[in-house]
Amino acid sequence: MMLYLILGGVSVLFIGGAIAYYKIRKASQEIDCLFKQNEQLQQENAVAQTQVKHFETRKKNEENNRTSDRNGLINRLQQQGDLRD
């Protein structure tokens, strides 16, 4: 009778340990997966920020180019005396 209680207790502890090991292993795998996903998202974010920065730079350069062309045209017209007020 005592032997059955000891075997029952040992088997309960063994099963409990196996379940705990399984849950810890599963949680570790999930954490690894989330770290990989986080790394990928950070890389995508860096690419997106770079694209935005390039767009803003291009837009600024186009505005500067338009303004300088306009100012140059006005200056040339004034020098030639063809500018009408």
PDB file of N, CA and C in Angstrom:
ATOM      1  N   MET A   1       0.828  -1.191   0.000  1.00  0.00           N
ATOM      2  CA  MET A   1       0.000   0.000   0.000  1.00  0.00           C
ATOM      3  C   MET A   1       0.872   1.254   0.000  1.00  0.00           C
ATOM      4  N   MET A   2       1.879   1.239   0.845  1.00  0.00           N
ATOM      5  CA  MET A   2       2.781   2.385   0.924  1.00  0.00           C
ATOM      6  C   MET A   2       3.561   2.541  -0.382  1.00  0.00           C
ATOM      7  N   LEU A   3       3.902   1.426  -0.996  1.00  0.00           N
ATOM      8  CA  LEU A   3       4.625   1.437  -2.263  1.00  0.00           C
ATOM      9  C   LEU A   3       3.779   2.096  -3.357  1.00  0.00           C
ATOM     10  N   TYR A   4       2.480   1.839  -3.363  1.00  0.00           N
ATOM     11  CA  TYR A   4       1.590   2.454  -4.357  1.00  0.00           C
ATOM     12  C   TYR A   4       1.517   3.969  -4.162  1.00  0.00           C
ATOM     13  N   LEU A   5       1.504   4.425  -2.938  1.00  0.00           N
ATOM     14  CA  LEU A   5       1.472   5.868  -2.662  1.00  0.00           C
ATOM     15  C   LEU A   5       2.771   6.529  -3.128  1.00  0.00           C
ATOM     16  N   ILE A   6       3.882   5.871  -2.864  1.00  0.00           N
ATOM     17  CA  ILE A   6       5.174   6.419  -3.290  1.00  0.00           C
ATOM     18  C   ILE A   6       5.254   6.458  -4.810  1.00  0.00           C
ATOM     19  N   LEU A   7       4.853   5.371  -5.480  1.00  0.00           N
ATOM     20  CA  LEU A   7       4.863   5.337  -6.944  1.00  0.00           C
ATOM     21  C   LEU A   7       3.905   6.370  -7.520  1.00  0.00           C
ATOM     22  N   GLY A   8       2.757   6.525  -6.903  1.00  0.00           N
ATOM     23  CA  GLY A   8       1.788   7.535  -7.358  1.00  0.00           C
ATOM     24  C   GLY A   8       2.355   8.938  -7.204  1.00  0.00           C
ATOM     25  N   GLY A   9       2.993   9.217  -6.076  1.00  0.00           N
ATOM     26  CA  GLY A   9       3.591  10.538  -5.851  1.00  0.00           C
ATOM     27  C   GLY A   9       4.731  10.817  -6.822  1.00  0.00           C
ATOM     28  N   VAL A  10       5.563   9.803  -7.050  1.00  0.00           N
ATOM     29  CA  VAL A  10       6.681   9.971  -7.986  1.00  0.00           C
ATOM     30  C   VAL A  10       6.161  10.187  -9.402  1.00  0.00           C
ATOM     31  N   SER A  11       5.140   9.442  -9.791  1.00  0.00           N
ATOM     32  CA  SER A  11       4.589   9.612 -11.139  1.00  0.00           C
ATOM     33  C   SER A  11       3.926  10.974 -11.299  1.00  0.00           C
ATOM     34  N   VAL A  12       3.253  11.471 -10.269  1.00  0.00           N
ATOM     35  CA  VAL A  12       2.654  12.810 -10.335  1.00  0.00           C
ATOM     36  C   VAL A  12       3.747  13.864 -10.485  1.00  0.00           C
ATOM     37  N   LEU A  13       4.831  13.723  -9.715  1.00  0.00           N
ATOM     38  CA  LEU A  13       5.939  14.662  -9.827  1.00  0.00           C
ATOM     39  C   LEU A  13       6.596  14.590 -11.211  1.00  0.00           C
ATOM     40  N   PHE A  14       6.745  13.388 -11.715  1.00  0.00           N
ATOM     41  CA  PHE A  14       7.346  13.212 -13.044  1.00  0.00           C
ATOM     42  C   PHE A  14       6.481  13.850 -14.122  1.00  0.00           C
ATOM     43  N   ILE A  15       5.178  13.601 -14.059  1.00  0.00           N
ATOM     44  CA  ILE A  15       4.256  14.177 -15.044  1.00  0.00           C
ATOM     45  C   ILE A  15       4.221  15.699 -14.916  1.00  0.00           C
ATOM     46  N   GLY A  16       4.203  16.198 -13.691  1.00  0.00           N
ATOM     47  CA  GLY A  16       4.223  17.653 -13.464  1.00  0.00           C
ATOM     48  C   GLY A  16       5.503  18.275 -14.008  1.00  0.00           C
ATOM     49  N   GLY A  17       6.633  17.619 -13.782  1.00  0.00           N
ATOM     50  CA  GLY A  17       7.909  18.119 -14.315  1.00  0.00           C
ATOM     51  C   GLY A  17       7.929  18.114 -15.835  1.00  0.00           C
ATOM     52  N   ALA A  18       7.369  17.054 -16.436  1.00  0.00           N
ATOM     53  CA  ALA A  18       7.323  16.966 -17.894  1.00  0.00           C
ATOM     54  C   ALA A  18       6.451  18.077 -18.478  1.00  0.00           C
ATOM     55  N   ILE A  19       5.326  18.346 -17.834  1.00  0.00           N
ATOM     56  CA  ILE A  19       4.434  19.415 -18.307  1.00  0.00           C
ATOM     57  C   ILE A  19       5.124  20.775 -18.174  1.00  0.00           C
ATOM     58  N   ALA A  20       5.805  21.005 -17.038  1.00  0.00           N
ATOM     59  CA  ALA A  20       6.514  22.275 -16.830  1.00  0.00           C
ATOM     60  C   ALA A  20       7.620  22.442 -17.870  1.00  0.00           C
ATOM     61  N   TYR A  21       8.363  21.360 -18.135  1.00  0.00           N
ATOM     62  CA  TYR A  21       9.434  21.407 -19.139  1.00  0.00           C
ATOM     63  C   TYR A  21       8.857  21.743 -20.519  1.00  0.00           C
ATOM     64  N   TYR A  22       7.755  21.120 -20.862  1.00  0.00           N
ATOM     65  CA  TYR A  22       7.107  21.369 -22.156  1.00  0.00           C
ATOM     66  C   TYR A  22       6.674  22.834 -22.281  1.00  0.00           C
ATOM     67  N   LYS A  23       6.057  23.372 -21.219  1.00  0.00           N
ATOM     68  CA  LYS A  23       5.585  24.758 -21.272  1.00  0.00           C
ATOM     69  C   LYS A  23       6.751  25.734 -21.358  1.00  0.00           C
ATOM     70  N   ILE A  24       7.833  25.456 -20.628  1.00  0.00           N
ATOM     71  CA  ILE A  24       9.007  26.331 -20.673  1.00  0.00           C
ATOM     72  C   ILE A  24       9.639  26.287 -22.058  1.00  0.00           C
ATOM     73  N   ARG A  25       9.734  25.099 -22.624  1.00  0.00           N
ATOM     74  CA  ARG A  25      10.309  24.957 -23.960  1.00  0.00           C
ATOM     75  C   ARG A  25       9.459  25.684 -24.999  1.00  0.00           C
ATOM     76  N   LYS A  26       8.157  25.545 -24.902  1.00  0.00           N
ATOM     77  CA  LYS A  26       7.238  26.203 -25.825  1.00  0.00           C
ATOM     78  C   LYS A  26       7.350  27.729 -25.686  1.00  0.00           C
ATOM     79  N   ALA A  27       7.436  28.230 -24.458  1.00  0.00           N
ATOM     80  CA  ALA A  27       7.567  29.672 -24.235  1.00  0.00           C
ATOM     81  C   ALA A  27       8.900  30.173 -24.790  1.00  0.00           C
ATOM     82  N   SER A  28       9.953  29.401 -24.637  1.00  0.00           N
ATOM     83  CA  SER A  28      11.260  29.788 -25.173  1.00  0.00           C
ATOM     84  C   SER A  28      11.213  29.891 -26.693  1.00  0.00           C
ATOM     85  N   GLN A  29      10.556  28.957 -27.340  1.00  0.00           N
ATOM     86  CA  GLN A  29      10.422  28.998 -28.795  1.00  0.00           C
ATOM     87  C   GLN A  29       9.626  30.228 -29.230  1.00  0.00           C
ATOM     88  N   GLU A  30       8.579  30.534 -28.493  1.00  0.00           N
ATOM     89  CA  GLU A  30       7.762  31.706 -28.809  1.00  0.00           C
ATOM     90  C   GLU A  30       8.582  32.990 -28.656  1.00  0.00           C
ATOM     91  N   ILE A  31       9.392  33.064 -27.614  1.00  0.00           N
ATOM     92  CA  ILE A  31      10.249  34.232 -27.395  1.00  0.00           C
ATOM     93  C   ILE A  31      11.238  34.380 -28.540  1.00  0.00           C
ATOM     94  N   ASP A  32      11.859  33.290 -28.958  1.00  0.00           N
ATOM     95  CA  ASP A  32      12.793  33.328 -30.081  1.00  0.00           C
ATOM     96  C   ASP A  32      12.100  33.817 -31.352  1.00  0.00           C
ATOM     97  N   CYS A  33      10.910  33.337 -31.587  1.00  0.00           N
ATOM     98  CA  CYS A  33      10.142  33.746 -32.767  1.00  0.00           C
ATOM     99  C   CYS A  33       9.841  35.247 -32.712  1.00  0.00           C
ATOM    100  N   LEU A  34       9.468  35.746 -31.546  1.00  0.00           N
ATOM    101  CA  LEU A  34       9.161  37.170 -31.398  1.00  0.00           C
ATOM    102  C   LEU A  34      10.408  38.032 -31.572  1.00  0.00           C
ATOM    103  N   PHE A  35      11.563  37.551 -31.089  1.00  0.00           N
ATOM    104  CA  PHE A  35      12.807  38.299 -31.288  1.00  0.00           C
ATOM    105  C   PHE A  35      13.151  38.388 -32.775  1.00  0.00           C
ATOM    106  N   LYS A  36      12.978  37.297 -33.516  1.00  0.00           N
ATOM    107  CA  LYS A  36      13.246  37.316 -34.953  1.00  0.00           C
ATOM    108  C   LYS A  36      12.298  38.267 -35.664  1.00  0.00           C
ATOM    109  N   GLN A  37      11.033  38.236 -35.281  1.00  0.00           N
ATOM    110  CA  GLN A  37      10.045  39.118 -35.892  1.00  0.00           C
ATOM    111  C   GLN A  37      10.370  40.580 -35.579  1.00  0.00           C
ATOM    112  N   ASN A  38      10.797  40.847 -34.341  1.00  0.00           N
ATOM    113  CA  ASN A  38      11.159  42.200 -33.944  1.00  0.00           C
ATOM    114  C   ASN A  38      12.347  42.700 -34.763  1.00  0.00           C
ATOM    115  N   GLU A  39      13.335  41.845 -34.965  1.00  0.00           N
ATOM    116  CA  GLU A  39      14.505  42.220 -35.757  1.00  0.00           C
ATOM    117  C   GLU A  39      14.106  42.536 -37.198  1.00  0.00           C
ATOM    118  N   GLN A  40      13.244  41.716 -37.766  1.00  0.00           N
ATOM    119  CA  GLN A  40      12.782  41.941 -39.134  1.00  0.00           C
ATOM    120  C   GLN A  40      12.013  43.259 -39.235  1.00  0.00           C
ATOM    121  N   LEU A  41      11.160  43.531 -38.263  1.00  0.00           N
ATOM    122  CA  LEU A  41      10.388  44.773 -38.284  1.00  0.00           C
ATOM    123  C   LEU A  41      11.290  45.995 -38.126  1.00  0.00           C
ATOM    124  N   GLN A  42      12.348  45.869 -37.325  1.00  0.00           N
ATOM    125  CA  GLN A  42      13.278  46.979 -37.183  1.00  0.00           C
ATOM    126  C   GLN A  42      14.007  47.253 -38.499  1.00  0.00           C
ATOM    127  N   GLN A  43      14.360  46.198 -39.207  1.00  0.00           N
ATOM    128  CA  GLN A  43      15.012  46.376 -40.509  1.00  0.00           C
ATOM    129  C   GLN A  43      14.057  47.027 -41.504  1.00  0.00           C
ATOM    130  N   GLU A  44      12.817  46.591 -41.523  1.00  0.00           N
ATOM    131  CA  GLU A  44      11.825  47.187 -42.422  1.00  0.00           C
ATOM    132  C   GLU A  44      11.584  48.650 -42.067  1.00  0.00           C
ATOM    133  N   ASN A  45      11.582  48.960 -40.772  1.00  0.00           N
ATOM    134  CA  ASN A  45      11.390  50.328 -40.320  1.00  0.00           C
ATOM    135  C   ASN A  45      12.561  51.200 -40.770  1.00  0.00           C
ATOM    136  N   ALA A  46      13.779  50.675 -40.671  1.00  0.00           N
ATOM    137  CA  ALA A  46      14.955  51.432 -41.108  1.00  0.00           C
ATOM    138  C   ALA A  46      14.877  51.716 -42.606  1.00  0.00           C
ATOM    139  N   VAL A  47      14.454  50.741 -43.381  1.00  0.00           N
ATOM    140  CA  VAL A  47      14.316  50.931 -44.829  1.00  0.00           C
ATOM    141  C   VAL A  47      13.252  51.994 -45.110  1.00  0.00           C
ATOM    142  N   ALA A  48      12.136  51.920 -44.416  1.00  0.00           N
ATOM    143  CA  ALA A  48      11.057  52.894 -44.635  1.00  0.00           C
ATOM    144  C   ALA A  48      11.510  54.303 -44.253  1.00  0.00           C
ATOM    145  N   GLN A  49      12.241  54.437 -43.151  1.00  0.00           N
ATOM    146  CA  GLN A  49      12.732  55.756 -42.742  1.00  0.00           C
ATOM    147  C   GLN A  49      13.721  56.316 -43.756  1.00  0.00           C
ATOM    148  N   THR A  50      14.550  55.444 -44.305  1.00  0.00           N
ATOM    149  CA  THR A  50      15.504  55.875 -45.324  1.00  0.00           C
ATOM    150  C   THR A  50      14.767  56.360 -46.567  1.00  0.00           C
ATOM    151  N   GLN A  51      13.723  55.633 -46.962  1.00  0.00           N
ATOM    152  CA  GLN A  51      12.944  56.051 -48.127  1.00  0.00           C
ATOM    153  C   GLN A  51      12.281  57.399 -47.895  1.00  0.00           C
ATOM    154  N   VAL A  52      11.753  57.610 -46.695  1.00  0.00           N
ATOM    155  CA  VAL A  52      11.116  58.891 -46.370  1.00  0.00           C
ATOM    156  C   VAL A  52      12.149  60.010 -46.405  1.00  0.00           C
ATOM    157  N   LYS A  53      13.320  59.743 -45.852  1.00  0.00           N
ATOM    158  CA  LYS A  53      14.373  60.750 -45.835  1.00  0.00           C
ATOM    159  C   LYS A  53      14.808  61.102 -47.252  1.00  0.00           C
ATOM    160  N   HIS A  54      14.942  60.093 -48.110  1.00  0.00           N
ATOM    161  CA  HIS A  54      15.309  60.350 -49.504  1.00  0.00           C
ATOM    162  C   HIS A  54      14.227  61.160 -50.213  1.00  0.00           C
ATOM    163  N   PHE A  55      12.961  60.833 -49.936  1.00  0.00           N
ATOM    164  CA  PHE A  55      11.869  61.577 -50.550  1.00  0.00           C
ATOM    165  C   PHE A  55      11.901  63.037 -50.125  1.00  0.00           C
ATOM    166  N   GLU A  56      12.094  63.269 -48.816  1.00  0.00           N
ATOM    167  CA  GLU A  56      12.126  64.649 -48.319  1.00  0.00           C
ATOM    168  C   GLU A  56      13.297  65.417 -48.919  1.00  0.00           C
ATOM    169  N   THR A  57      14.446  64.759 -49.035  1.00  0.00           N
ATOM    170  CA  THR A  57      15.613  65.411 -49.630  1.00  0.00           C
ATOM    171  C   THR A  57      15.359  65.744 -51.094  1.00  0.00           C
ATOM    172  N   ARG A  58      14.767  64.789 -51.836  1.00  0.00           N
ATOM    173  CA  ARG A  58      14.465  65.034 -53.239  1.00  0.00           C
ATOM    174  C   ARG A  58      13.469  66.187 -53.398  1.00  0.00           C
ATOM    175  N   LYS A  59      12.458  66.209 -52.540  1.00  0.00           N
ATOM    176  CA  LYS A  59      11.453  67.274 -52.595  1.00  0.00           C
ATOM    177  C   LYS A  59      12.099  68.634 -52.324  1.00  0.00           C
ATOM    178  N   LYS A  60      12.974  68.668 -51.311  1.00  0.00           N
ATOM    179  CA  LYS A  60      13.657  69.920 -50.973  1.00  0.00           C
ATOM    180  C   LYS A  60      14.555  70.362 -52.127  1.00  0.00           C
ATOM    181  N   ASN A  61      15.262  69.418 -52.731  1.00  0.00           N
ATOM    182  CA  ASN A  61      16.134  69.751 -53.861  1.00  0.00           C
ATOM    183  C   ASN A  61      15.328  70.260 -55.058  1.00  0.00           C
ATOM    184  N   GLU A  62      14.169  69.651 -55.309  1.00  0.00           N
ATOM    185  CA  GLU A  62      13.323  70.116 -56.410  1.00  0.00           C
ATOM    186  C   GLU A  62      12.817  71.529 -56.153  1.00  0.00           C
ATOM    187  N   GLU A  63      12.430  71.818 -54.903  1.00  0.00           N
ATOM    188  CA  GLU A  63      11.960  73.166 -54.575  1.00  0.00           C
ATOM    189  C   GLU A  63      13.087  74.179 -54.732  1.00  0.00           C
ATOM    190  N   ASN A  64      14.270  73.820 -54.264  1.00  0.00           N
ATOM    191  CA  ASN A  64      15.418  74.723 -54.406  1.00  0.00           C
ATOM    192  C   ASN A  64      15.751  74.933 -55.882  1.00  0.00           C
ATOM    193  N   ASN A  65      15.642  73.881 -56.656  1.00  0.00           N
ATOM    194  CA  ASN A  65      15.946  73.971 -58.077  1.00  0.00           C
ATOM    195  C   ASN A  65      14.939  74.872 -58.789  1.00  0.00           C
ATOM    196  N   ARG A  66      13.663  74.717 -58.463  1.00  0.00           N
ATOM    197  CA  ARG A  66      12.633  75.567 -59.061  1.00  0.00           C
ATOM    198  C   ARG A  66      12.842  77.026 -58.690  1.00  0.00           C
ATOM    199  N   THR A  67      13.142  77.282 -57.411  1.00  0.00           N
ATOM    200  CA  THR A  67      13.326  78.646 -56.934  1.00  0.00           C
ATOM    201  C   THR A  67      14.549  79.279 -57.588  1.00  0.00           C
ATOM    202  N   SER A  68      15.626  78.532 -57.669  1.00  0.00           N
ATOM    203  CA  SER A  68      16.831  79.106 -58.269  1.00  0.00           C
ATOM    204  C   SER A  68      16.618  79.374 -59.753  1.00  0.00           C
ATOM    205  N   ASP A  69      15.904  78.509 -60.441  1.00  0.00           N
ATOM    206  CA  ASP A  69      15.622  78.743 -61.853  1.00  0.00           C
ATOM    207  C   ASP A  69      14.761  79.994 -62.034  1.00  0.00           C
ATOM    208  N   ARG A  70      13.787  80.148 -61.174  1.00  0.00           N
ATOM    209  CA  ARG A  70      12.891  81.304 -61.262  1.00  0.00           C
ATOM    210  C   ARG A  70      13.668  82.579 -60.961  1.00  0.00           C
ATOM    211  N   ASN A  71      14.463  82.538 -59.892  1.00  0.00           N
ATOM    212  CA  ASN A  71      15.242  83.720 -59.531  1.00  0.00           C
ATOM    213  C   ASN A  71      16.256  84.062 -60.623  1.00  0.00           C
ATOM    214  N   GLY A  72      16.877  83.041 -61.185  1.00  0.00           N
ATOM    215  CA  GLY A  72      17.835  83.285 -62.263  1.00  0.00           C
ATOM    216  C   GLY A  72      17.165  83.911 -63.472  1.00  0.00           C
ATOM    217  N   LEU A  73      15.977  83.435 -63.787  1.00  0.00           N
ATOM    218  CA  LEU A  73      15.228  83.976 -64.922  1.00  0.00           C
ATOM    219  C   LEU A  73      14.871  85.434 -64.677  1.00  0.00           C
ATOM    220  N   ILE A  74      14.404  85.736 -63.473  1.00  0.00           N
ATOM    221  CA  ILE A  74      14.043  87.124 -63.146  1.00  0.00           C
ATOM    222  C   ILE A  74      15.268  88.020 -63.223  1.00  0.00           C
ATOM    223  N   ASN A  75      16.394  87.548 -62.695  1.00  0.00           N
ATOM    224  CA  ASN A  75      17.622  88.351 -62.733  1.00  0.00           C
ATOM    225  C   ASN A  75      18.064  88.603 -64.173  1.00  0.00           C
ATOM    226  N   ARG A  76      18.001  87.604 -65.012  1.00  0.00           N
ATOM    227  CA  ARG A  76      18.396  87.789 -66.415  1.00  0.00           C
ATOM    228  C   ARG A  76      17.465  88.773 -67.121  1.00  0.00           C
ATOM    229  N   LEU A  77      16.158  88.673 -66.839  1.00  0.00           N
ATOM    230  CA  LEU A  77      15.213  89.606 -67.454  1.00  0.00           C
ATOM    231  C   LEU A  77      15.468  91.028 -66.998  1.00  0.00           C
ATOM    232  N   GLN A  78      15.806  91.202 -65.705  1.00  0.00           N
ATOM    233  CA  GLN A  78      16.094  92.549 -65.199  1.00  0.00           C
ATOM    234  C   GLN A  78      17.358  93.102 -65.847  1.00  0.00           C
ATOM    235  N   GLN A  79      18.360  92.260 -66.011  1.00  0.00           N
ATOM    236  CA  GLN A  79      19.609  92.724 -66.624  1.00  0.00           C
ATOM    237  C   GLN A  79      19.394  93.121 -68.079  1.00  0.00           C
ATOM    238  N   GLN A  80      18.513  92.427 -68.762  1.00  0.00           N
ATOM    239  CA  GLN A  80      18.267  92.704 -70.169  1.00  0.00           C
ATOM    240  C   GLN A  80      17.244  93.826 -70.353  1.00  0.00           C
ATOM    241  N   GLY A  81      16.592  94.191 -69.257  1.00  0.00           N
ATOM    242  CA  GLY A  81      15.604  95.262 -69.341  1.00  0.00           C
ATOM    243  C   GLY A  81      14.270  94.790 -69.893  1.00  0.00           C
ATOM    244  N   ASP A  82      14.028  93.509 -69.905  1.00  0.00           N
ATOM    245  CA  ASP A  82      12.777  92.988 -70.445  1.00  0.00           C
ATOM    246  C   ASP A  82      11.726  92.690 -69.362  1.00  0.00           C
ATOM    247  N   LEU A  83      12.044  92.958 -68.127  1.00  0.00           N
ATOM    248  CA  LEU A  83      11.114  92.622 -67.052  1.00  0.00           C
ATOM    249  C   LEU A  83      10.082  93.735 -66.937  1.00  0.00           C
ATOM    250  N   ARG A  84       8.833  93.388 -66.991  1.00  0.00           N
ATOM    251  CA  ARG A  84       7.740  94.356 -66.858  1.00  0.00           C
ATOM    252  C   ARG A  84       7.205  94.314 -65.443  1.00  0.00           C
ATOM    253  N   ASP A  85       7.013  95.443 -64.852  1.00  0.00           N
ATOM    254  CA  ASP A  85       6.454  95.504 -63.492  1.00  0.00           C
ATOM    255  C   ASP A  85       4.982  95.698 -63.503  1.00  0.00           C
TER     256      ASP A  85
END
